[in-house]
Amino acid sequence: MKTLTRKQRELQEREARILEVSREVVVREGYHGLSMDRVAEALEYSKGTIYNHFSCKEDIILALAVQTTEKRTELFERAA
């Protein structure tokens, strides 16, 4: 397993936090309630920081869908 640099870890942690807050917004307000502005405001990041990780809200939704699929696949594999 390759060791990540501090900068790479920080980027991964920031992206995970963006997705965590985005998921909370979608659960609370639905797809239409999610916006780059809302995520940036909730995290106290600049909108540019959010755009450095995701080009649009659809990319965030896709990343959330991938996370959910991976988690469910893991659960099914453990149950088998």
PDB file of N, CA and C in Angstrom:
ATOM      1  N   MET A   1       0.844  -1.188   0.000  1.00  0.00           N
ATOM      2  CA  MET A   1       0.000   0.000   0.000  1.00  0.00           C
ATOM      3  C   MET A   1       0.884   1.245   0.000  1.00  0.00           C
ATOM      4  N   LYS A   2       0.597   2.151  -0.901  1.00  0.00           N
ATOM      5  CA  LYS A   2       1.394   3.357  -1.037  1.00  0.00           C
ATOM      6  C   LYS A   2       1.042   4.355   0.066  1.00  0.00           C
ATOM      7  N   THR A   3       2.070   4.941   0.636  1.00  0.00           N
ATOM      8  CA  THR A   3       1.872   5.950   1.666  1.00  0.00           C
ATOM      9  C   THR A   3       1.567   7.288   0.997  1.00  0.00           C
ATOM     10  N   LEU A   4       0.541   7.946   1.488  1.00  0.00           N
ATOM     11  CA  LEU A   4       0.151   9.237   0.932  1.00  0.00           C
ATOM     12  C   LEU A   4       0.944  10.356   1.590  1.00  0.00           C
ATOM     13  N   THR A   5       1.184  11.404   0.839  1.00  0.00           N
ATOM     14  CA  THR A   5       1.823  12.580   1.411  1.00  0.00           C
ATOM     15  C   THR A   5       0.790  13.314   2.271  1.00  0.00           C
ATOM     16  N   ARG A   6       1.272  14.213   3.079  1.00  0.00           N
ATOM     17  CA  ARG A   6       0.375  15.003   3.933  1.00  0.00           C
ATOM     18  C   ARG A   6      -0.638  15.753   3.073  1.00  0.00           C
ATOM     19  N   LYS A   7      -0.177  16.332   1.986  1.00  0.00           N
ATOM     20  CA  LYS A   7      -1.057  17.087   1.087  1.00  0.00           C
ATOM     21  C   LYS A   7      -2.142  16.184   0.494  1.00  0.00           C
ATOM     22  N   GLN A   8      -1.766  14.976   0.077  1.00  0.00           N
ATOM     23  CA  GLN A   8      -2.740  14.035  -0.479  1.00  0.00           C
ATOM     24  C   GLN A   8      -3.772  13.634   0.569  1.00  0.00           C
ATOM     25  N   ARG A   9      -3.319  13.413   1.805  1.00  0.00           N
ATOM     26  CA  ARG A   9      -4.256  13.072   2.889  1.00  0.00           C
ATOM     27  C   ARG A   9      -5.222  14.220   3.145  1.00  0.00           C
ATOM     28  N   GLU A  10      -4.699  15.445   3.156  1.00  0.00           N
ATOM     29  CA  GLU A  10      -5.553  16.616   3.377  1.00  0.00           C
ATOM     30  C   GLU A  10      -6.607  16.739   2.276  1.00  0.00           C
ATOM     31  N   LEU A  11      -6.210  16.497   1.034  1.00  0.00           N
ATOM     32  CA  LEU A  11      -7.163  16.565  -0.077  1.00  0.00           C
ATOM     33  C   LEU A  11      -8.243  15.502   0.060  1.00  0.00           C
ATOM     34  N   GLN A  12      -7.851  14.285   0.419  1.00  0.00           N
ATOM     35  CA  GLN A  12      -8.829  13.207   0.617  1.00  0.00           C
ATOM     36  C   GLN A  12      -9.776  13.526   1.766  1.00  0.00           C
ATOM     37  N   GLU A  13      -9.226  14.045   2.859  1.00  0.00           N
ATOM     38  CA  GLU A  13     -10.060  14.386   4.017  1.00  0.00           C
ATOM     39  C   GLU A  13     -11.037  15.505   3.671  1.00  0.00           C
ATOM     40  N   ARG A  14     -10.572  16.505   2.926  1.00  0.00           N
ATOM     41  CA  ARG A  14     -11.444  17.614   2.534  1.00  0.00           C
ATOM     42  C   ARG A  14     -12.565  17.113   1.627  1.00  0.00           C
ATOM     43  N   GLU A  15     -12.214  16.249   0.683  1.00  0.00           N
ATOM     44  CA  GLU A  15     -13.229  15.703  -0.222  1.00  0.00           C
ATOM     45  C   GLU A  15     -14.251  14.867   0.549  1.00  0.00           C
ATOM     46  N   ALA A  16     -13.780  14.082   1.506  1.00  0.00           N
ATOM     47  CA  ALA A  16     -14.696  13.280   2.327  1.00  0.00           C
ATOM     48  C   ALA A  16     -15.636  14.187   3.113  1.00  0.00           C
ATOM     49  N   ARG A  17     -15.120  15.279   3.623  1.00  0.00           N
ATOM     50  CA  ARG A  17     -15.942  16.226   4.385  1.00  0.00           C
ATOM     51  C   ARG A  17     -16.978  16.890   3.471  1.00  0.00           C
ATOM     52  N   ILE A  18     -16.567  17.248   2.265  1.00  0.00           N
ATOM     53  CA  ILE A  18     -17.500  17.836   1.299  1.00  0.00           C
ATOM     54  C   ILE A  18     -18.637  16.861   1.025  1.00  0.00           C
ATOM     55  N   LEU A  19     -18.308  15.597   0.832  1.00  0.00           N
ATOM     56  CA  LEU A  19     -19.339  14.594   0.562  1.00  0.00           C
ATOM     57  C   LEU A  19     -20.234  14.372   1.777  1.00  0.00           C
ATOM     58  N   GLU A  20     -19.651  14.381   2.954  1.00  0.00           N
ATOM     59  CA  GLU A  20     -20.439  14.195   4.181  1.00  0.00           C
ATOM     60  C   GLU A  20     -21.480  15.308   4.329  1.00  0.00           C
ATOM     61  N   VAL A  21     -21.042  16.536   4.166  1.00  0.00           N
ATOM     62  CA  VAL A  21     -21.961  17.673   4.291  1.00  0.00           C
ATOM     63  C   VAL A  21     -22.978  17.666   3.152  1.00  0.00           C
ATOM     64  N   SER A  22     -22.546  17.308   1.960  1.00  0.00           N
ATOM     65  CA  SER A  22     -23.470  17.237   0.822  1.00  0.00           C
ATOM     66  C   SER A  22     -24.558  16.208   1.069  1.00  0.00           C
ATOM     67  N   ARG A  23     -24.178  15.065   1.614  1.00  0.00           N
ATOM     68  CA  ARG A  23     -25.169  14.029   1.932  1.00  0.00           C
ATOM     69  C   ARG A  23     -26.186  14.564   2.948  1.00  0.00           C
ATOM     70  N   GLU A  24     -25.712  15.280   3.950  1.00  0.00           N
ATOM     71  CA  GLU A  24     -26.613  15.861   4.953  1.00  0.00           C
ATOM     72  C   GLU A  24     -27.595  16.830   4.300  1.00  0.00           C
ATOM     73  N   VAL A  25     -27.105  17.655   3.384  1.00  0.00           N
ATOM     74  CA  VAL A  25     -27.972  18.616   2.687  1.00  0.00           C
ATOM     75  C   VAL A  25     -29.017  17.879   1.855  1.00  0.00           C
ATOM     76  N   VAL A  26     -28.603  16.858   1.118  1.00  0.00           N
ATOM     77  CA  VAL A  26     -29.543  16.108   0.278  1.00  0.00           C
ATOM     78  C   VAL A  26     -30.596  15.417   1.135  1.00  0.00           C
ATOM     79  N   VAL A  27     -30.190  14.836   2.242  1.00  0.00           N
ATOM     80  CA  VAL A  27     -31.153  14.160   3.129  1.00  0.00           C
ATOM     81  C   VAL A  27     -32.153  15.170   3.686  1.00  0.00           C
ATOM     82  N   ARG A  28     -31.659  16.322   4.076  1.00  0.00           N
ATOM     83  CA  ARG A  28     -32.499  17.336   4.707  1.00  0.00           C
ATOM     84  C   ARG A  28     -33.354  18.109   3.701  1.00  0.00           C
ATOM     85  N   GLU A  29     -32.763  18.459   2.538  1.00  0.00           N
ATOM     86  CA  GLU A  29     -33.433  19.386   1.627  1.00  0.00           C
ATOM     87  C   GLU A  29     -33.686  18.827   0.230  1.00  0.00           C
ATOM     88  N   GLY A  30     -33.243  17.614  -0.025  1.00  0.00           N
ATOM     89  CA  GLY A  30     -33.439  17.015  -1.340  1.00  0.00           C
ATOM     90  C   GLY A  30     -32.399  17.470  -2.348  1.00  0.00           C
ATOM     91  N   TYR A  31     -32.465  16.838  -3.515  1.00  0.00           N
ATOM     92  CA  TYR A  31     -31.507  17.121  -4.591  1.00  0.00           C
ATOM     93  C   TYR A  31     -31.482  18.602  -4.952  1.00  0.00           C
ATOM     94  N   HIS A  32     -32.646  19.209  -5.064  1.00  0.00           N
ATOM     95  CA  HIS A  32     -32.715  20.610  -5.479  1.00  0.00           C
ATOM     96  C   HIS A  32     -32.192  21.555  -4.409  1.00  0.00           C
ATOM     97  N   GLY A  33     -32.103  21.087  -3.178  1.00  0.00           N
ATOM     98  CA  GLY A  33     -31.553  21.910  -2.110  1.00  0.00           C
ATOM     99  C   GLY A  33     -30.038  21.944  -2.094  1.00  0.00           C
ATOM    100  N   LEU A  34     -29.417  21.017  -2.817  1.00  0.00           N
ATOM    101  CA  LEU A  34     -27.956  20.954  -2.857  1.00  0.00           C
ATOM    102  C   LEU A  34     -27.421  21.969  -3.856  1.00  0.00           C
ATOM    103  N   SER A  35     -26.467  22.754  -3.416  1.00  0.00           N
ATOM    104  CA  SER A  35     -25.779  23.679  -4.319  1.00  0.00           C
ATOM    105  C   SER A  35     -24.341  23.827  -3.842  1.00  0.00           C
ATOM    106  N   MET A  36     -23.490  24.225  -4.748  1.00  0.00           N
ATOM    107  CA  MET A  36     -22.088  24.443  -4.393  1.00  0.00           C
ATOM    108  C   MET A  36     -21.995  25.543  -3.338  1.00  0.00           C
ATOM    109  N   ASP A  37     -22.837  26.568  -3.479  1.00  0.00           N
ATOM    110  CA  ASP A  37     -22.852  27.655  -2.498  1.00  0.00           C
ATOM    111  C   ASP A  37     -23.214  27.142  -1.110  1.00  0.00           C
ATOM    112  N   ARG A  38     -24.250  26.309  -1.040  1.00  0.00           N
ATOM    113  CA  ARG A  38     -24.715  25.801   0.251  1.00  0.00           C
ATOM    114  C   ARG A  38     -23.642  24.939   0.921  1.00  0.00           C
ATOM    115  N   VAL A  39     -22.970  24.102   0.145  1.00  0.00           N
ATOM    116  CA  VAL A  39     -21.913  23.246   0.688  1.00  0.00           C
ATOM    117  C   VAL A  39     -20.743  24.103   1.165  1.00  0.00           C
ATOM    118  N   ALA A  40     -20.339  25.065   0.345  1.00  0.00           N
ATOM    119  CA  ALA A  40     -19.231  25.948   0.715  1.00  0.00           C
ATOM    120  C   ALA A  40     -19.548  26.710   1.997  1.00  0.00           C
ATOM    121  N   GLU A  41     -20.766  27.209   2.088  1.00  0.00           N
ATOM    122  CA  GLU A  41     -21.179  27.956   3.280  1.00  0.00           C
ATOM    123  C   GLU A  41     -21.175  27.069   4.522  1.00  0.00           C
ATOM    124  N   ALA A  42     -21.700  25.868   4.404  1.00  0.00           N
ATOM    125  CA  ALA A  42     -21.772  24.955   5.548  1.00  0.00           C
ATOM    126  C   ALA A  42     -20.385  24.573   6.053  1.00  0.00           C
ATOM    127  N   LEU A  43     -19.433  24.463   5.138  1.00  0.00           N
ATOM    128  CA  LEU A  43     -18.076  24.058   5.515  1.00  0.00           C
ATOM    129  C   LEU A  43     -17.157  25.242   5.804  1.00  0.00           C
ATOM    130  N   GLU A  44     -17.651  26.443   5.521  1.00  0.00           N
ATOM    131  CA  GLU A  44     -16.844  27.651   5.637  1.00  0.00           C
ATOM    132  C   GLU A  44     -15.613  27.566   4.739  1.00  0.00           C
ATOM    133  N   TYR A  45     -15.822  27.016   3.530  1.00  0.00           N
ATOM    134  CA  TYR A  45     -14.805  26.968   2.482  1.00  0.00           C
ATOM    135  C   TYR A  45     -15.224  27.959   1.412  1.00  0.00           C
ATOM    136  N   SER A  46     -14.269  28.354   0.592  1.00  0.00           N
ATOM    137  CA  SER A  46     -14.637  29.161  -0.566  1.00  0.00           C
ATOM    138  C   SER A  46     -15.302  28.245  -1.594  1.00  0.00           C
ATOM    139  N   LYS A  47     -16.105  28.841  -2.448  1.00  0.00           N
ATOM    140  CA  LYS A  47     -16.745  28.054  -3.497  1.00  0.00           C
ATOM    141  C   LYS A  47     -15.685  27.447  -4.418  1.00  0.00           C
ATOM    142  N   GLY A  48     -14.584  28.157  -4.605  1.00  0.00           N
ATOM    143  CA  GLY A  48     -13.492  27.645  -5.426  1.00  0.00           C
ATOM    144  C   GLY A  48     -12.913  26.352  -4.879  1.00  0.00           C
ATOM    145  N   THR A  49     -12.857  26.242  -3.556  1.00  0.00           N
ATOM    146  CA  THR A  49     -12.360  25.009  -2.936  1.00  0.00           C
ATOM    147  C   THR A  49     -13.262  23.839  -3.289  1.00  0.00           C
ATOM    148  N   ILE A  50     -14.558  24.058  -3.256  1.00  0.00           N
ATOM    149  CA  ILE A  50     -15.499  22.996  -3.613  1.00  0.00           C
ATOM    150  C   ILE A  50     -15.304  22.618  -5.080  1.00  0.00           C
ATOM    151  N   TYR A  51     -15.158  23.630  -5.939  1.00  0.00           N
ATOM    152  CA  TYR A  51     -14.973  23.370  -7.371  1.00  0.00           C
ATOM    153  C   TYR A  51     -13.629  22.707  -7.676  1.00  0.00           C
ATOM    154  N   ASN A  52     -12.650  22.841  -6.801  1.00  0.00           N
ATOM    155  CA  ASN A  52     -11.384  22.127  -6.994  1.00  0.00           C
ATOM    156  C   ASN A  52     -11.577  20.621  -6.882  1.00  0.00           C
ATOM    157  N   HIS A  53     -12.600  20.207  -6.153  1.00  0.00           N
ATOM    158  CA  HIS A  53     -12.865  18.781  -5.944  1.00  0.00           C
ATOM    159  C   HIS A  53     -13.966  18.253  -6.865  1.00  0.00           C
ATOM    160  N   PHE A  54     -14.971  19.075  -7.136  1.00  0.00           N
ATOM    161  CA  PHE A  54     -16.127  18.649  -7.936  1.00  0.00           C
ATOM    162  C   PHE A  54     -16.500  19.776  -8.892  1.00  0.00           C
ATOM    163  N   SER A  55     -16.711  19.438 -10.168  1.00  0.00           N
ATOM    164  CA  SER A  55     -16.977  20.484 -11.161  1.00  0.00           C
ATOM    165  C   SER A  55     -18.414  20.997 -11.125  1.00  0.00           C
ATOM    166  N   CYS A  56     -19.323  20.204 -10.549  1.00  0.00           N
ATOM    167  CA  CYS A  56     -20.721  20.616 -10.465  1.00  0.00           C
ATOM    168  C   CYS A  56     -21.434  19.748  -9.423  1.00  0.00           C
ATOM    169  N   LYS A  57     -22.657  20.120  -9.088  1.00  0.00           N
ATOM    170  CA  LYS A  57     -23.370  19.353  -8.062  1.00  0.00           C
ATOM    171  C   LYS A  57     -23.680  17.940  -8.531  1.00  0.00           C
ATOM    172  N   GLU A  58     -23.816  17.754  -9.843  1.00  0.00           N
ATOM    173  CA  GLU A  58     -24.054  16.409 -10.363  1.00  0.00           C
ATOM    174  C   GLU A  58     -22.864  15.488 -10.076  1.00  0.00           C
ATOM    175  N   ASP A  59     -21.656  16.043 -10.093  1.00  0.00           N
ATOM    176  CA  ASP A  59     -20.472  15.247  -9.736  1.00  0.00           C
ATOM    177  C   ASP A  59     -20.517  14.836  -8.267  1.00  0.00           C
ATOM    178  N   ILE A  60     -21.013  15.719  -7.419  1.00  0.00           N
ATOM    179  CA  ILE A  60     -21.163  15.381  -5.997  1.00  0.00           C
ATOM    180  C   ILE A  60     -22.186  14.261  -5.849  1.00  0.00           C
ATOM    181  N   ILE A  61     -23.316  14.395  -6.534  1.00  0.00           N
ATOM    182  CA  ILE A  61     -24.358  13.365  -6.467  1.00  0.00           C
ATOM    183  C   ILE A  61     -23.813  12.027  -6.949  1.00  0.00           C
ATOM    184  N   LEU A  62     -23.055  12.042  -8.027  1.00  0.00           N
ATOM    185  CA  LEU A  62     -22.458  10.806  -8.544  1.00  0.00           C
ATOM    186  C   LEU A  62     -21.509  10.189  -7.516  1.00  0.00           C
ATOM    187  N   ALA A  63     -20.674  11.008  -6.885  1.00  0.00           N
ATOM    188  CA  ALA A  63     -19.744  10.507  -5.866  1.00  0.00           C
ATOM    189  C   ALA A  63     -20.508   9.922  -4.680  1.00  0.00           C
ATOM    190  N   LEU A  64     -21.613  10.554  -4.300  1.00  0.00           N
ATOM    191  CA  LEU A  64     -22.440  10.017  -3.214  1.00  0.00           C
ATOM    192  C   LEU A  64     -23.049   8.677  -3.613  1.00  0.00           C
ATOM    193  N   ALA A  65     -23.479   8.566  -4.859  1.00  0.00           N
ATOM    194  CA  ALA A  65     -24.050   7.302  -5.342  1.00  0.00           C
ATOM    195  C   ALA A  65     -22.996   6.196  -5.339  1.00  0.00           C
ATOM    196  N   VAL A  66     -21.789   6.524  -5.744  1.00  0.00           N
ATOM    197  CA  VAL A  66     -20.700   5.540  -5.736  1.00  0.00           C
ATOM    198  C   VAL A  66     -20.414   5.092  -4.308  1.00  0.00           C
ATOM    199  N   GLN A  67     -20.342   6.046  -3.378  1.00  0.00           N
ATOM    200  CA  GLN A  67     -20.121   5.692  -1.963  1.00  0.00           C
ATOM    201  C   GLN A  67     -21.195   4.740  -1.462  1.00  0.00           C
ATOM    202  N   THR A  68     -22.437   5.068  -1.742  1.00  0.00           N
ATOM    203  CA  THR A  68     -23.557   4.247  -1.289  1.00  0.00           C
ATOM    204  C   THR A  68     -23.483   2.848  -1.886  1.00  0.00           C
ATOM    205  N   THR A  69     -23.179   2.770  -3.169  1.00  0.00           N
ATOM    206  CA  THR A  69     -23.065   1.469  -3.833  1.00  0.00           C
ATOM    207  C   THR A  69     -21.938   0.645  -3.222  1.00  0.00           C
ATOM    208  N   GLU A  70     -20.807   1.272  -2.965  1.00  0.00           N
ATOM    209  CA  GLU A  70     -19.676   0.558  -2.360  1.00  0.00           C
ATOM    210  C   GLU A  70     -20.030   0.037  -0.970  1.00  0.00           C
ATOM    211  N   LYS A  71     -20.712   0.862  -0.176  1.00  0.00           N
ATOM    212  CA  LYS A  71     -21.105   0.436   1.173  1.00  0.00           C
ATOM    213  C   LYS A  71     -22.086  -0.732   1.120  1.00  0.00           C
ATOM    214  N   ARG A  72     -23.045  -0.648   0.221  1.00  0.00           N
ATOM    215  CA  ARG A  72     -24.034  -1.733   0.112  1.00  0.00           C
ATOM    216  C   ARG A  72     -23.403  -3.012  -0.406  1.00  0.00           C
ATOM    217  N   THR A  73     -22.490  -2.886  -1.347  1.00  0.00           N
ATOM    218  CA  THR A  73     -21.783  -4.062  -1.857  1.00  0.00           C
ATOM    219  C   THR A  73     -21.011  -4.737  -0.733  1.00  0.00           C
ATOM    220  N   GLU A  74     -20.353  -3.945   0.079  1.00  0.00           N
ATOM    221  CA  GLU A  74     -19.609  -4.477   1.222  1.00  0.00           C
ATOM    222  C   GLU A  74     -20.542  -5.213   2.184  1.00  0.00           C
ATOM    223  N   LEU A  75     -21.710  -4.650   2.446  1.00  0.00           N
ATOM    224  CA  LEU A  75     -22.677  -5.299   3.336  1.00  0.00           C
ATOM    225  C   LEU A  75     -23.157  -6.628   2.759  1.00  0.00           C
ATOM    226  N   PHE A  76     -23.442  -6.651   1.466  1.00  0.00           N
ATOM    227  CA  PHE A  76     -23.878  -7.894   0.822  1.00  0.00           C
ATOM    228  C   PHE A  76     -22.779  -8.949   0.861  1.00  0.00           C
ATOM    229  N   GLU A  77     -21.546  -8.536   0.639  1.00  0.00           N
ATOM    230  CA  GLU A  77     -20.435  -9.488   0.665  1.00  0.00           C
ATOM    231  C   GLU A  77     -20.247 -10.085   2.057  1.00  0.00           C
ATOM    232  N   ARG A  78     -20.413  -9.259   3.081  1.00  0.00           N
ATOM    233  CA  ARG A  78     -20.290  -9.771   4.456  1.00  0.00           C
ATOM    234  C   ARG A  78     -21.427 -10.715   4.803  1.00  0.00           C
ATOM    235  N   ALA A  79     -22.604 -10.443   4.253  1.00  0.00           N
ATOM    236  CA  ALA A  79     -23.775 -11.271   4.555  1.00  0.00           C
ATOM    237  C   ALA A  79     -23.724 -12.614   3.833  1.00  0.00           C
ATOM    238  N   ALA A  80     -22.986 -12.672   2.756  1.00  0.00           N
ATOM    239  CA  ALA A  80     -22.937 -13.910   1.951  1.00  0.00           C
ATOM    240  C   ALA A  80     -22.104 -14.987   2.616  1.00  0.00           C
TER     241      ALA A  80
END
